């Protein structure tokens, strides 16, 4: 890992934030190359989860008002247990520290942590004793506006902005389920003691899709695309399976077809981005690990120098989020789903007696009548009903209403959609791509370090190099560089050092192709295209250079398909 990180820092992929002030754990800067790679990752994600899905993308504020996070549960339950050393003052996240030192998976409660500290006499790395474990809310708190202002938080996930806007979004989709809503952006978690570089950050990049489905119809119309894909699964009992997604659903390993669909789509996306299939698996949450509102949850995990790390979470969140926001906001976040054919139903209907309600309840009579008419009862012998009007509970006796059995034609029903959520940690995926792409081989008798990035993911797609750093060679190379840039190909020019050293520099940052201007260029207007992975070259006429590079960059085609191959 140290060799990879040294290269990533030196070549401008990742840097420590606030470096000249000593740095701060949990924050990173993306350098020119790292930022380029992450932007390509975002665009690839959009291609999979927005463009080729029944979905739209929105953008909501990174600051939220307190009410949002009270409703979502984050204000009270988004906590980890912290332990502080009495001697040196260092603070650790308790469950991580216990696992690191004792190899024990601790429950994330104050009581459980306290019991383990006492039972094992666990001490700080400085040999100091820990104080009482305390819960620590992971959200960054802020104040909105001047004076006393309004309490707010930096969002710990992008999802809540989507749930809050659900009413508008359902209208946009004309209430037709299923549909998805995506968001890419920053999220913030005030981690207690982040010690894993880019793996655990306090400010990070997420890409999330909230896919809203009918609670009784958890199927996806395009499941057939991924049904026969073989996937490596680790179920909640610890059993490993290499199985098709169709079989996994049929055997009940995966709870429903929509989750299986997104496992399949997520896998293909990760492979397209450059994750190694041999170092990728999907792990199901154990029953005691899964959120209480989730019926099933799977993590896509990549094997890295940090071990297996979660890079994507795919969860069936049920109607938890929409129901909570309905409760706390008072807004109706259900959708009307029409039946294919109207259905006749019998029900007991309450018919108010306005002749008696009016004189008795006066100005409240109309509202009481509306509440009564909206109610259904199972027992027509009921003597009184309690209704709530303007916050006041009122008992309405039988003399003010009667119960009639009526037959009605029902055209549909109102449902609160369930949501399937694939949530992607873009920073972790970016790091895993870089680590999986890192390789070393021997070229011309010396060791070469190379990033074997997918061609379409490379931050620098093409390098233009003059064979000799002088006169006409430089002029021609610069001319070709500008031509390729105008064609939309991200191109860099380099004339510093020997041609071999320049090749190695661009191999190390993952540039798929180097274009070299040599003596023959001035004879027949051809240049060489050199392939990063094989070091093979072909000659191409300058007039056909851009189309050839565009095709090469968009596919895995071997360079030999474009002309005669020769070694550098």
Protein backbone atom coordinates (compact mmCIF):
# COMPACT_ATOMS: atom_id res chain seq x y z
CA UNK A 1 0.00 0.00 0.00
CA UNK A 2 2.82 2.43 0.85
CA UNK A 3 4.26 2.03 -2.67
CA UNK A 4 0.88 2.79 -4.26
CA UNK A 5 0.17 5.76 -1.98
CA UNK A 6 3.62 7.22 -2.62
CA UNK A 7 2.93 7.10 -6.36
CA UNK A 8 -0.60 8.54 -6.02
CA UNK A 9 0.68 11.47 -3.96
CA UNK A 10 3.77 12.12 -6.09
CA UNK A 11 1.91 12.01 -9.42
CA UNK A 12 -1.03 14.17 -8.37
CA UNK A 13 -3.91 11.78 -7.68
CA UNK A 14 -4.48 12.34 -3.95
CA UNK A 15 -3.04 14.72 -1.36
CA UNK A 16 -3.47 15.29 2.34
CA UNK A 17 -5.75 18.29 2.92
CA UNK A 18 -4.36 21.29 4.84
CA UNK A 19 -0.87 19.85 4.34
CA UNK A 20 1.09 23.05 5.02
CA UNK A 21 -0.68 23.33 8.40
CA UNK A 22 0.11 19.78 9.43
CA UNK A 23 -2.93 18.11 7.82
CA UNK A 24 -6.18 16.84 9.34
CA UNK A 25 -7.36 13.23 9.40
CA UNK A 26 -10.51 12.48 7.44
CA UNK A 27 -9.98 14.99 4.62
CA UNK A 28 -8.24 14.62 1.24
CA UNK A 29 -7.61 16.76 -1.82
CA UNK A 30 -8.03 15.33 -5.29
CA UNK A 31 -5.09 16.42 -7.44
CA UNK A 32 -5.43 16.94 -11.21
CA UNK A 33 -5.26 13.24 -12.07
CA UNK A 34 -7.40 11.99 -9.17
CA UNK A 35 -10.08 14.56 -9.90
CA UNK A 36 -10.07 13.59 -13.57
CA UNK A 37 -10.50 9.92 -12.70
CA UNK A 38 -13.33 10.59 -10.24
CA UNK A 39 -15.20 12.78 -12.74
CA UNK A 40 -14.99 9.97 -15.31
CA UNK A 41 -16.33 7.61 -12.64
CA UNK A 42 -19.28 9.95 -12.00
CA UNK A 43 -20.09 10.15 -15.71
CA UNK A 44 -19.95 6.36 -16.03
CA UNK A 45 -22.29 6.07 -13.02
CA UNK A 46 -24.75 8.46 -14.68
CA UNK A 47 -24.63 6.34 -17.83
CA UNK A 48 -25.64 3.23 -15.86
CA UNK A 49 -28.01 4.60 -13.22
CA UNK A 50 -29.64 7.64 -14.83
CA UNK A 51 -29.36 7.55 -18.63
CA UNK A 52 -30.08 3.82 -18.89
CA UNK A 53 -32.61 3.66 -16.08
CA UNK A 54 -36.09 5.09 -15.54
CA UNK A 55 -34.54 7.79 -13.42
CA UNK A 56 -33.73 11.48 -13.17
CA UNK A 57 -30.94 13.33 -11.37
CA UNK A 58 -31.51 16.21 -8.96
CA UNK A 59 -29.29 18.38 -6.77
CA UNK A 60 -30.31 19.43 -3.24
CA UNK A 61 -28.55 21.49 -0.51
CA UNK A 62 -25.74 19.99 1.55
CA UNK A 63 -27.09 21.85 4.60
CA UNK A 64 -30.40 20.68 6.06
CA UNK A 65 -32.69 22.10 8.71
CA UNK A 66 -32.97 20.22 12.01
CA UNK A 67 -36.53 19.01 11.37
CA UNK A 68 -35.33 16.89 8.43
CA UNK A 69 -32.90 14.93 10.58
CA UNK A 70 -35.32 14.56 13.48
CA UNK A 71 -37.74 12.92 11.05
CA UNK A 72 -35.03 10.74 9.46
CA UNK A 73 -33.77 9.61 12.87
CA UNK A 74 -30.24 10.97 12.37
CA UNK A 75 -30.60 13.58 15.13
CA UNK A 76 -31.05 10.91 17.80
CA UNK A 77 -29.63 7.64 16.49
CA UNK A 78 -26.80 8.51 14.09
CA UNK A 79 -24.16 7.90 16.74
CA UNK A 80 -21.00 5.92 17.47
CA UNK A 81 -19.57 5.20 20.90
CA UNK A 82 -16.40 7.16 21.76
CA UNK A 83 -13.76 6.30 24.36
CA UNK A 84 -11.27 8.88 25.62
CA UNK A 85 -7.94 8.15 27.28
CA UNK A 86 -7.55 9.84 30.67
CA UNK A 87 -3.77 9.99 30.24
CA UNK A 88 -3.06 11.23 26.70
CA UNK A 89 -6.50 12.57 25.78
CA UNK A 90 -6.80 10.61 22.52
CA UNK A 91 -10.32 9.68 21.47
CA UNK A 92 -11.15 6.46 19.62
CA UNK A 93 -14.24 4.98 18.03
CA UNK A 94 -14.90 2.18 20.48
CA UNK A 95 -15.98 -0.67 18.20
CA UNK A 96 -13.06 -0.08 15.80
CA UNK A 97 -10.53 0.08 18.65
CA UNK A 98 -11.89 -3.09 20.27
CA UNK A 99 -11.80 -4.99 16.97
CA UNK A 100 -8.25 -3.79 16.23
CA UNK A 101 -6.89 -4.73 19.67
CA UNK A 102 -9.01 -7.75 20.62
CA UNK A 103 -10.46 -9.03 17.35
CA UNK A 104 -13.98 -8.78 18.82
CA UNK A 105 -17.06 -7.43 17.03
CA UNK A 106 -18.57 -5.18 19.70
CA UNK A 107 -22.21 -4.06 19.79
CA UNK A 108 -22.39 -0.32 19.23
CA UNK A 109 -23.90 0.50 22.62
CA UNK A 110 -22.39 2.23 25.65
CA UNK A 111 -23.24 -0.74 27.87
CA UNK A 112 -21.58 -3.32 25.60
CA UNK A 113 -18.42 -1.23 25.22
CA UNK A 114 -18.19 -0.64 28.96
CA UNK A 115 -18.50 -4.36 29.66
CA UNK A 116 -15.68 -5.21 27.21
CA UNK A 117 -13.36 -2.49 28.58
CA UNK A 118 -13.83 -3.84 32.11
CA UNK A 119 -13.73 -7.56 31.22
CA UNK A 120 -10.51 -7.32 29.20
CA UNK A 121 -8.97 -4.41 31.13
CA UNK A 122 -8.47 -2.75 27.73
CA UNK A 123 -6.22 0.30 27.81
CA UNK A 124 -5.05 3.02 25.46
CA UNK A 125 -1.98 2.62 23.26
CA UNK A 126 -0.15 4.87 25.78
CA UNK A 127 -1.18 2.43 28.56
CA UNK A 128 -3.62 4.97 29.99
CA UNK A 129 -7.10 4.07 31.22
CA UNK A 130 -10.26 5.01 29.34
CA UNK A 131 -13.03 7.10 30.82
CA UNK A 132 -16.73 6.28 30.55
CA UNK A 133 -17.83 5.43 27.00
CA UNK A 134 -20.09 8.13 25.53
CA UNK A 135 -22.37 8.31 22.48
CA UNK A 136 -21.19 10.77 19.82
CA UNK A 137 -23.46 12.12 17.06
CA UNK A 138 -21.63 11.97 13.73
CA UNK A 139 -23.36 14.94 12.11
CA UNK A 140 -21.66 18.32 11.77
CA UNK A 141 -23.92 20.86 13.45
CA UNK A 142 -24.27 24.40 12.12
CA UNK A 143 -26.41 27.52 12.52
CA UNK A 144 -28.42 28.98 9.67
CA UNK A 145 -28.83 32.75 9.65
CA UNK A 146 -27.71 35.53 12.04
CA UNK A 147 -28.41 35.93 15.74
CA UNK A 148 -29.84 32.82 17.33
CA UNK A 149 -30.42 31.54 13.83
CA UNK A 150 -31.89 28.16 13.02
CA UNK A 151 -30.22 24.89 13.92
CA UNK A 152 -29.05 22.81 10.97
CA UNK A 153 -26.69 20.03 10.01
CA UNK A 154 -24.40 19.15 7.11
CA UNK A 155 -26.09 16.19 5.44
CA UNK A 156 -24.69 12.75 6.37
CA UNK A 157 -26.07 11.29 3.11
CA UNK A 158 -27.60 12.65 -0.10
CA UNK A 159 -30.79 10.57 0.22
CA UNK A 160 -32.87 12.83 2.50
CA UNK A 161 -33.03 15.62 -0.09
CA UNK A 162 -34.69 13.14 -2.46
CA UNK A 163 -37.28 11.98 0.11
CA UNK A 164 -38.20 15.56 0.99
CA UNK A 165 -38.77 16.37 -2.69
CA UNK A 166 -40.76 13.17 -3.27
CA UNK A 167 -44.11 14.91 -3.77
CA UNK A 168 -42.72 17.00 -6.64
CA UNK A 169 -40.86 14.03 -8.07
CA UNK A 170 -43.92 11.75 -8.02
CA UNK A 171 -45.83 14.43 -9.90
CA UNK A 172 -42.97 14.66 -12.43
CA UNK A 173 -43.33 10.91 -13.06
CA UNK A 174 -47.16 11.20 -13.06
CA UNK A 175 -47.32 8.79 -10.10
CA UNK A 176 -46.24 5.88 -12.32
CA UNK A 177 -44.14 3.40 -10.36
CA UNK A 178 -41.40 2.30 -10.50
CA UNK A 179 -39.10 5.30 -10.93
CA UNK A 180 -35.70 6.34 -9.66
CA UNK A 181 -34.17 9.59 -8.44
CA UNK A 182 -30.39 10.00 -8.39
CA UNK A 183 -28.06 12.47 -6.72
CA UNK A 184 -24.29 12.86 -6.75
CA UNK A 185 -22.66 15.11 -4.18
CA UNK A 186 -20.80 15.68 -0.95
CA UNK A 187 -21.84 14.23 2.39
CA UNK A 188 -20.32 14.75 5.85
CA UNK A 189 -19.76 12.55 8.88
CA UNK A 190 -17.77 13.76 11.85
CA UNK A 191 -15.90 10.49 12.34
CA UNK A 192 -14.42 10.04 15.80
CA UNK A 193 -10.96 8.82 14.77
CA UNK A 194 -10.55 8.24 11.02
CA UNK A 195 -7.30 6.31 10.53
CA UNK A 196 -7.69 4.64 7.12
CA UNK A 197 -6.81 7.39 4.64
CA UNK A 198 -9.37 7.58 1.83
CA UNK A 199 -11.37 4.68 3.28
CA UNK A 200 -12.87 6.68 6.16
CA UNK A 201 -13.39 10.36 5.45
CA UNK A 202 -15.24 13.15 7.21
CA UNK A 203 -16.16 14.76 3.89
CA UNK A 204 -16.80 12.35 1.04
CA UNK A 205 -18.50 11.91 -2.33
CA UNK A 206 -21.62 9.82 -2.77
CA UNK A 207 -23.71 8.72 -5.71
CA UNK A 208 -27.12 7.45 -4.63
CA UNK A 209 -30.22 6.20 -6.41
CA UNK A 210 -33.56 5.98 -4.62
CA UNK A 211 -35.68 3.59 -6.69
CA UNK A 212 -39.37 3.80 -5.70
CA UNK A 213 -41.48 0.67 -6.20
CA UNK A 214 -44.96 -0.59 -5.42
CA UNK A 215 -44.70 -2.42 -2.05
CA UNK A 216 -46.45 -5.48 -3.48
CA UNK A 217 -44.59 -5.58 -6.80
CA UNK A 218 -40.84 -5.70 -6.19
CA UNK A 219 -39.95 -6.62 -9.74
CA UNK A 220 -37.92 -4.79 -12.36
CA UNK A 221 -38.97 -4.85 -16.03
CA UNK A 222 -35.33 -5.24 -17.11
CA UNK A 223 -34.27 -7.96 -14.65
CA UNK A 224 -33.76 -10.35 -17.58
CA UNK A 225 -30.66 -8.35 -18.58
CA UNK A 226 -28.80 -9.53 -15.44
CA UNK A 227 -30.76 -12.68 -14.49
CA UNK A 228 -28.12 -15.08 -15.82
CA UNK A 229 -25.07 -13.17 -14.51
CA UNK A 230 -23.02 -15.31 -12.11
CA UNK A 231 -22.18 -13.35 -8.99
CA UNK A 232 -20.02 -14.09 -5.96
CA UNK A 233 -22.30 -13.85 -2.88
CA UNK A 234 -21.57 -14.17 0.83
CA UNK A 235 -24.92 -14.63 2.58
CA UNK A 236 -25.86 -13.54 6.11
CA UNK A 237 -24.95 -16.98 7.50
CA UNK A 238 -21.42 -16.76 6.09
CA UNK A 239 -22.03 -19.18 3.21
CA UNK A 240 -20.35 -18.43 -0.11
CA UNK A 241 -22.19 -18.85 -3.40
CA UNK A 242 -21.21 -18.42 -7.03
CA UNK A 243 -24.68 -18.34 -8.47
CA UNK A 244 -26.85 -16.63 -11.08
CA UNK A 245 -29.02 -13.80 -9.82
CA UNK A 246 -32.13 -15.59 -11.02
CA UNK A 247 -31.26 -18.66 -8.92
CA UNK A 248 -30.39 -16.46 -5.92
CA UNK A 249 -33.88 -14.92 -5.99
CA UNK A 250 -35.61 -18.28 -6.54
CA UNK A 251 -33.74 -19.80 -3.57
CA UNK A 252 -34.56 -16.84 -1.33
CA UNK A 253 -30.91 -15.82 -0.85
CA UNK A 254 -31.73 -12.37 -2.27
CA UNK A 255 -35.06 -11.04 -0.99
CA UNK A 256 -36.52 -9.73 -4.23
CA UNK A 257 -35.95 -9.16 -7.92
CA UNK A 258 -35.27 -5.42 -7.66
CA UNK A 259 -32.36 -5.92 -5.25
CA UNK A 260 -30.99 -8.66 -7.51
CA UNK A 261 -31.34 -6.37 -10.53
CA UNK A 262 -29.28 -3.65 -8.84
CA UNK A 263 -26.66 -6.16 -7.65
CA UNK A 264 -26.26 -7.20 -11.29
CA UNK A 265 -26.15 -3.64 -12.59
CA UNK A 266 -23.74 -2.57 -9.84
CA UNK A 267 -21.39 -5.44 -10.65
CA UNK A 268 -21.28 -4.57 -14.35
CA UNK A 269 -20.73 -0.90 -13.51
CA UNK A 270 -17.82 -1.71 -11.18
CA UNK A 271 -16.20 -4.02 -13.74
CA UNK A 272 -16.59 -1.34 -16.42
CA UNK A 273 -14.97 1.17 -14.05
CA UNK A 274 -11.97 -1.09 -13.48
CA UNK A 275 -12.67 -3.15 -10.35
CA UNK A 276 -11.14 -6.64 -10.63
CA UNK A 277 -13.87 -9.30 -10.69
CA UNK A 278 -11.62 -11.67 -8.72
CA UNK A 279 -11.45 -9.09 -5.92
CA UNK A 280 -15.17 -8.27 -5.83
CA UNK A 281 -17.98 -9.86 -3.82
CA UNK A 282 -21.44 -9.02 -2.50
CA UNK A 283 -21.94 -9.58 1.24
CA UNK A 284 -25.36 -9.74 2.85
CA UNK A 285 -25.91 -7.95 6.17
CA UNK A 286 -26.54 -10.22 9.13
CA UNK A 287 -29.90 -9.88 10.88
CA UNK A 288 -28.24 -8.16 13.87
CA UNK A 289 -26.27 -5.86 11.55
CA UNK A 290 -29.04 -4.74 9.21
CA UNK A 291 -30.95 -1.51 9.90
CA UNK A 292 -34.26 -2.23 11.65
CA UNK A 293 -36.28 -0.82 8.74
CA UNK A 294 -34.45 -2.76 5.99
CA UNK A 295 -35.79 -6.14 4.84
CA UNK A 296 -32.55 -6.99 2.99
CA UNK A 297 -29.19 -5.29 2.47
CA UNK A 298 -26.08 -6.21 0.47
CA UNK A 299 -22.65 -4.56 0.34
CA UNK A 300 -20.42 -4.69 -2.70
CA UNK A 301 -16.97 -5.25 -1.22
CA UNK A 302 -13.58 -4.88 -2.90
CA UNK A 303 -10.41 -6.57 -1.66
CA UNK A 304 -7.68 -3.97 -1.15
CA UNK A 305 -4.57 -3.51 0.97
CA UNK A 306 -7.01 -2.48 3.76
CA UNK A 307 -8.75 -5.88 3.44
CA UNK A 308 -12.34 -6.23 2.20
CA UNK A 309 -13.91 -2.76 2.15
CA UNK A 310 -17.50 -1.77 1.48
CA UNK A 311 -17.76 0.35 -1.67
CA UNK A 312 -21.53 0.10 -2.40
CA UNK A 313 -24.56 -0.60 -0.22
CA UNK A 314 -27.81 -1.91 -1.77
CA UNK A 315 -30.75 -1.89 0.64
CA UNK A 316 -34.50 -2.39 0.64
CA UNK A 317 -35.48 0.45 2.98
CA UNK A 318 -39.22 -0.26 2.80
CA UNK A 319 -41.45 2.78 3.36
CA UNK A 320 -39.48 3.93 6.42
CA UNK A 321 -38.21 7.22 5.00
CA UNK A 322 -41.42 8.42 3.34
CA UNK A 323 -43.55 7.35 6.32
CA UNK A 324 -41.30 9.23 8.76
CA UNK A 325 -41.40 12.42 6.70
CA UNK A 326 -45.19 12.09 6.32
CA UNK A 327 -45.52 11.80 10.09
CA UNK A 328 -43.29 14.78 10.91
CA UNK A 329 -44.26 17.12 8.06
CA UNK A 330 -47.97 16.31 7.86
CA UNK A 331 -47.71 16.02 4.06
CA UNK A 332 -49.18 13.11 2.11
CA UNK A 333 -46.29 11.33 0.35
CA UNK A 334 -48.32 8.44 -1.03
CA UNK A 335 -49.16 7.86 -4.70
CA UNK A 336 -52.41 6.76 -6.32
CA UNK A 337 -52.02 3.49 -8.21
CA UNK A 338 -54.93 2.70 -10.57
CA UNK A 339 -56.23 -0.86 -10.91
CA UNK A 340 -56.27 -2.49 -14.36
CA UNK A 341 -60.03 -2.95 -13.90
CA UNK A 342 -62.29 -1.17 -11.37
CA UNK A 343 -63.24 -3.30 -8.35
CA UNK A 344 -66.60 -3.36 -6.56
CA UNK A 345 -66.30 -3.32 -2.78
CA UNK A 346 -68.80 -3.14 0.08
CA UNK A 347 -68.00 -0.98 3.06
CA UNK A 348 -69.68 0.57 6.07
CA UNK A 349 -69.92 4.29 5.56
CA UNK A 350 -70.57 6.93 8.22
CA UNK A 351 -73.25 9.42 7.21
CA UNK A 352 -73.23 12.60 9.37
CA UNK A 353 -76.51 14.14 10.53
CA UNK A 354 -75.88 17.81 9.77
CA UNK A 355 -79.25 18.77 11.26
CA UNK A 356 -77.91 17.83 14.68
CA UNK A 357 -74.19 18.45 14.19
CA UNK A 358 -74.72 22.09 13.18
CA UNK A 359 -76.62 23.38 16.24
CA UNK A 360 -74.40 21.44 18.66
CA UNK A 361 -70.90 21.97 17.27
CA UNK A 362 -71.53 25.17 15.29
CA UNK A 363 -68.38 26.31 13.37
CA UNK A 364 -66.69 22.94 13.90
CA UNK A 365 -69.60 20.96 12.50
CA UNK A 366 -68.38 20.97 8.89
CA UNK A 367 -64.88 19.74 9.78
CA UNK A 368 -66.32 17.04 12.05
CA UNK A 369 -68.57 15.87 9.21
CA UNK A 370 -65.61 15.71 6.80
CA UNK A 371 -63.60 13.57 9.24
CA UNK A 372 -66.57 11.25 9.80
CA UNK A 373 -67.18 10.81 6.05
CA UNK A 374 -63.54 9.83 5.51
CA UNK A 375 -63.70 7.03 8.10
CA UNK A 376 -64.57 3.37 7.72
CA UNK A 377 -65.73 1.13 10.57
CA UNK A 378 -65.97 -2.61 10.89
CA UNK A 379 -68.78 -2.64 13.49
CA UNK A 380 -72.05 -0.77 12.81
CA UNK A 381 -73.11 -1.11 16.48
CA UNK A 382 -70.55 1.47 17.60
CA UNK A 383 -72.08 4.08 19.91
CA UNK A 384 -69.48 6.89 19.71
CA UNK A 385 -66.46 7.93 17.66
CA UNK A 386 -63.57 10.13 18.72
CA UNK A 387 -62.40 12.57 16.05
CA UNK A 388 -59.61 15.17 16.04
CA UNK A 389 -60.33 18.66 14.70
CA UNK A 390 -57.79 21.49 14.89
CA UNK A 391 -55.80 19.53 17.45
CA UNK A 392 -58.85 18.99 19.69
CA UNK A 393 -60.24 15.52 20.34
CA UNK A 394 -64.04 15.44 20.22
CA UNK A 395 -66.32 12.51 21.08
CA UNK A 396 -69.24 12.24 18.63
CA UNK A 397 -72.11 10.03 19.83
CA UNK A 398 -74.38 7.89 17.62
CA UNK A 399 -77.18 10.51 17.57
CA UNK A 400 -75.01 12.64 15.22
CA UNK A 401 -74.46 9.98 12.56
CA UNK A 402 -75.71 6.72 11.10
CA UNK A 403 -73.89 3.78 9.52
CA UNK A 404 -74.86 2.52 6.06
CA UNK A 405 -73.45 -0.34 4.01
CA UNK A 406 -72.72 0.85 0.49
CA UNK A 407 -71.24 -0.71 -2.64
CA UNK A 408 -68.62 1.39 -4.38
CA UNK A 409 -66.57 1.09 -7.54
CA UNK A 410 -62.89 1.44 -6.61
CA UNK A 411 -60.56 2.55 -9.41
CA UNK A 412 -57.27 2.28 -7.53
CA UNK A 413 -55.49 2.61 -4.21
CA UNK A 414 -53.13 4.97 -2.45
CA UNK A 415 -49.82 3.38 -1.47
CA UNK A 416 -46.66 4.59 0.21
CA UNK A 417 -43.88 3.39 -2.11
CA UNK A 418 -41.01 1.27 -0.88
CA UNK A 419 -37.50 2.32 -1.86
CA UNK A 420 -34.55 0.23 -3.02
CA UNK A 421 -31.35 2.22 -2.52
CA UNK A 422 -28.00 1.54 -4.21
CA UNK A 423 -25.55 3.91 -2.48
CA UNK A 424 -22.02 4.32 -3.89
CA UNK A 425 -18.95 5.62 -2.05
CA UNK A 426 -17.12 7.30 -4.92
CA UNK A 427 -13.90 7.93 -2.98
CA UNK A 428 -13.56 4.28 -1.97
CA UNK A 429 -14.36 3.10 -5.49
CA UNK A 430 -11.77 5.51 -6.91
CA UNK A 431 -9.10 4.17 -4.54
CA UNK A 432 -10.03 0.53 -5.27
CA UNK A 433 -9.82 1.19 -9.03
CA UNK A 434 -6.34 2.68 -8.62
CA UNK A 435 -5.12 -0.18 -6.44
CA UNK A 436 -6.59 -2.87 -8.70
CA UNK A 437 -5.00 -1.15 -11.73
CA UNK A 438 -1.53 -0.86 -10.17
CA UNK A 439 0.96 -3.30 -11.67
CA UNK A 440 4.67 -3.85 -12.24
CA UNK A 441 6.43 -5.64 -15.10
CA UNK A 442 9.77 -5.73 -16.91
CA UNK A 443 10.25 -3.70 -20.10
CA UNK A 444 13.63 -3.49 -21.86
CA UNK A 445 15.32 -5.13 -18.89
CA UNK A 446 14.06 -2.72 -16.23
CA UNK A 447 11.09 -2.67 -13.86
CA UNK A 448 8.14 -0.59 -14.98
CA UNK A 449 5.27 0.64 -12.78
CA UNK A 450 2.02 0.94 -14.71
CA UNK A 451 -1.61 1.78 -13.97
CA UNK A 452 -3.69 -0.52 -16.16
CA UNK A 453 -6.78 1.69 -16.00
CA UNK A 454 -9.66 1.05 -18.35
CA UNK A 455 -9.00 3.24 -21.37
CA UNK A 456 -12.22 5.24 -20.94
CA UNK A 457 -11.41 5.90 -17.26
CA UNK A 458 -7.89 7.32 -17.72
CA UNK A 459 -7.61 10.98 -16.63
CA UNK A 460 -5.04 11.63 -19.40
CA UNK A 461 -6.18 9.76 -22.50
CA UNK A 462 -3.33 10.54 -24.90
CA UNK A 463 0.20 11.92 -24.61
CA UNK A 464 1.85 13.53 -27.64
CA UNK A 465 5.64 13.21 -27.57
CA UNK A 466 8.25 14.53 -30.01
CA UNK A 467 11.02 11.98 -30.53
CA UNK A 468 13.56 14.80 -30.33
CA UNK A 469 13.08 17.91 -28.23
CA UNK A 470 13.88 20.44 -30.92
CA UNK A 471 12.47 22.60 -33.71
CA UNK A 472 10.14 20.90 -36.18
CA UNK A 473 9.48 17.93 -33.88
CA UNK A 474 8.16 20.21 -31.14
CA UNK A 475 6.10 22.34 -33.55
CA UNK A 476 4.45 19.29 -35.14
CA UNK A 477 3.75 17.70 -31.76
CA UNK A 478 2.12 20.86 -30.40
CA UNK A 479 0.02 21.13 -33.58
CA UNK A 480 -1.22 17.54 -33.12
CA UNK A 481 -1.89 18.16 -29.39
CA UNK A 482 -4.23 21.07 -30.15
CA UNK A 483 -5.92 19.10 -32.93
CA UNK A 484 -6.73 16.22 -30.54
CA UNK A 485 -7.95 18.59 -27.83
CA UNK A 486 -10.37 20.19 -30.31
CA UNK A 487 -11.65 16.68 -31.05
CA UNK A 488 -12.53 16.31 -27.34
CA UNK A 489 -9.66 13.97 -26.46
CA UNK A 490 -7.92 14.83 -23.17
CA UNK A 491 -4.32 15.20 -24.34
CA UNK A 492 -1.03 16.23 -22.76
CA UNK A 493 2.23 17.25 -24.43
CA UNK A 494 5.65 16.37 -23.01
CA UNK A 495 9.15 16.99 -24.38
CA UNK A 496 11.17 16.61 -21.16
CA UNK A 497 13.78 13.82 -21.00
CA UNK A 498 14.40 10.77 -23.15
CA UNK A 499 11.50 9.22 -25.06
CA UNK A 500 11.78 6.05 -22.94
CA UNK A 501 11.48 8.00 -19.68
CA UNK A 502 8.49 9.90 -21.03
CA UNK A 503 6.78 6.62 -21.94
CA UNK A 504 7.35 5.38 -18.38
CA UNK A 505 5.93 8.56 -16.85
CA UNK A 506 2.68 8.21 -18.77
CA UNK A 507 2.53 4.45 -18.13
CA UNK A 508 2.68 5.20 -14.42
CA UNK A 509 -0.33 7.53 -14.50
CA UNK A 510 -2.36 5.16 -16.67
CA UNK A 511 -2.36 7.02 -20.02
CA UNK A 512 -3.53 4.39 -22.54
CA UNK A 513 -1.80 5.76 -25.66
CA UNK A 514 1.26 7.80 -26.55
CA UNK A 515 1.49 9.44 -29.97
CA UNK A 516 5.07 9.99 -31.15
CA UNK A 517 6.28 12.40 -33.82
CA UNK A 518 9.44 10.92 -35.38
CA UNK A 519 11.55 11.33 -38.55
CA UNK A 520 9.06 9.42 -40.71
CA UNK A 521 6.33 11.88 -39.77
CA UNK A 522 7.94 14.49 -42.02
CA UNK A 523 8.14 12.05 -44.92
CA UNK A 524 4.60 10.63 -45.03
CA UNK A 525 2.49 12.51 -42.40
CA UNK A 526 2.25 9.42 -40.15
CA UNK A 527 2.82 9.07 -36.41
CA UNK A 528 3.07 6.09 -34.07
CA UNK A 529 0.41 5.14 -31.53
CA UNK A 530 1.93 3.19 -28.61
CA UNK A 531 -0.22 0.99 -26.37
CA UNK A 532 0.42 1.32 -22.63
CA UNK A 533 -0.28 -2.31 -21.70
CA UNK A 534 1.65 -4.15 -24.42
CA UNK A 535 4.09 -1.37 -25.48
CA UNK A 536 3.26 -2.30 -29.09
CA UNK A 537 3.00 0.44 -31.72
CA UNK A 538 1.25 1.06 -35.02
CA UNK A 539 1.64 3.83 -37.60
CA UNK A 540 -1.39 5.97 -38.41
CA UNK A 541 -1.82 8.87 -40.82
CA UNK A 542 -2.35 12.14 -38.96
CA UNK A 543 -5.61 12.68 -40.84
CA UNK A 544 -7.04 9.46 -39.32
CA UNK A 545 -5.43 9.85 -35.90
CA UNK A 546 -8.40 11.31 -33.98
CA UNK A 547 -10.98 8.75 -35.26
CA UNK A 548 -8.58 5.88 -34.53
CA UNK A 549 -7.92 7.13 -30.99
CA UNK A 550 -11.62 7.71 -30.29
CA UNK A 551 -12.41 4.12 -31.28
CA UNK A 552 -9.49 2.72 -29.30
CA UNK A 553 -10.45 4.73 -26.21
CA UNK A 554 -14.05 3.51 -26.27
CA UNK A 555 -13.30 -0.21 -26.62
CA UNK A 556 -10.96 -2.96 -25.50
CA UNK A 557 -9.85 -3.56 -29.11
CA UNK A 558 -6.27 -4.67 -29.56
CA UNK A 559 -4.11 -2.08 -31.26
CA UNK A 560 -3.11 -4.68 -33.88
CA UNK A 561 -6.61 -4.41 -35.41
CA UNK A 562 -5.70 -0.95 -36.69
CA UNK A 563 -2.51 -1.70 -38.60
CA UNK A 564 0.88 -3.34 -38.61
CA UNK A 565 2.28 -3.78 -35.11
CA UNK A 566 5.91 -3.27 -34.14
CA UNK A 567 7.80 -2.94 -30.86
CA UNK A 568 9.01 0.39 -29.52
